Amino acid sequence: MQFALDEEQTAVRDMAREFAAEKIAPFALKWDEDKHFPKEVMREAALLGMGGIYIRDDVGGSALTRFDAALIFEALATGCPTTSAFISIHNMASWMIDSYGNEAQRQKWLPRLCTMELLASYCLTEPGAGSDAAALRTRAVVDGDHYVLNGQKQFISGAGDTDVYVVMVRTGGEGAGGVSTIVVDAGTPGLSFGNNERKMGWNAQSTRAVIFENCRVPIANRLGDEGIGFKIAMAGLDGGRLNIAACSLGGAQSALDKSLSYMKERKAFGKRLDEFQALQFRIADMATELEAARTFLWRAAAALDRKDADASMLCAMAKRFGTDIGFEVANDALQLHGGYGYLAEYGIEKIVRDLRVHQILEGTNEIMRLIVSRKLIEGAR
């Protein structure tokens, strides 16, 4: 097991951390306020290899590991969890094309996805199918050499602003075995979008419904065989869960760092806040919990890189633990700032708002517990 970073991993992390400090953090509050989706900055990140982190290098990817990705997304999230999380989603959708697409599909989409000239969205959730994802209703019916899609996806990150939609659709009967994965290009007739949702956080990326009304998509856009779409979706989520946990830790680390700076400056009852033992204990606990979550994340990422049998369970554990701890630490940081933590200009309340949704997306933390418990019970039989 790895408990320290080697020279190359340290360089990857530091590169992403410096990019976040220079290109993201100074603008994050403004992006949140204006609901601005910073495509230009994400394309700058892609110049550093962050548009296709674990995509094969023959199509312009960086061919790095899931462990490397966890380091990158945590570092980017110190600047803005929302921006880091979208880059994660883009990488997840691109990876699905890289892993399950044929050579023509890989060459068609991935070179421009890796540069983020094209941006990708992942489309699984529906109005009536969230945690019960296998119950999705969006249907694709064969008509000649095309599928005709009808249905609606909900809560889709980047929708309306992205170029490529990796969509899980029903091509067969009920349940997981009737699901396939189809890539839909923006601008396809019959594809439209709902209004940009008004959200508690994650305002620097759009969230819309994706609507299919007799949307004709070439059968050649299907990834893999019919009926394996649910497997593809779940494989993508293993890595996505690691990434969103990493984003939580990066946001929480930023909140802790802000708290340490604030406590050096703020005085109460004639003493600096960092001289009160009760507050010293609080920050010690925050730092300890973050370090425990980070160590767990690294273990899960290494297991996924090795394709260990228990990798999916560890990814679920790391997602549940990392997102819960990240939110708790950010919320504690807000408390340490007192009334100032509630003001937008200090940046803490934004982190709290952004991290709250991490306990819901990529599978709710209740579903993470279900995944873990099922694995444990199966192993005990």
Foldseek 3Di string as FASTA:
>chain_A
DDDDDDPVLVVLLVVLLVLLVPPFQVCPLVLFVVLAQCLVSVLVVLVVQLLAACADPVLPHVNHALLSLLSNLLSNLLRPLLNSLQSLQQNLLLVLCRPQNDPVSCNVPVNCSSSPVFGEKEFQAAPVPALNSQQDAWAWEDDPQKTFTFGKTFFIWQPPNGFKYFYWHAHDDGGLQRIWTFIDTPPQPQWDWADFDDALASSNITTIMIGGDRGIDGPSRTGHDGRCHSVSVLLSLLSSLLSSLSSLLSLLVSLLVLLVVQQVPDDDPHGRNCVDVVVVVVSVVLVVLSSVLSVLSSVLSVCVRVVPPCNSLSSLVSSLSSLVSSLVSLVVSLVSVPPVSVDSVSPSSNSNSHSVCSCPPSRHNVVSVVVNVVVVVVVVD
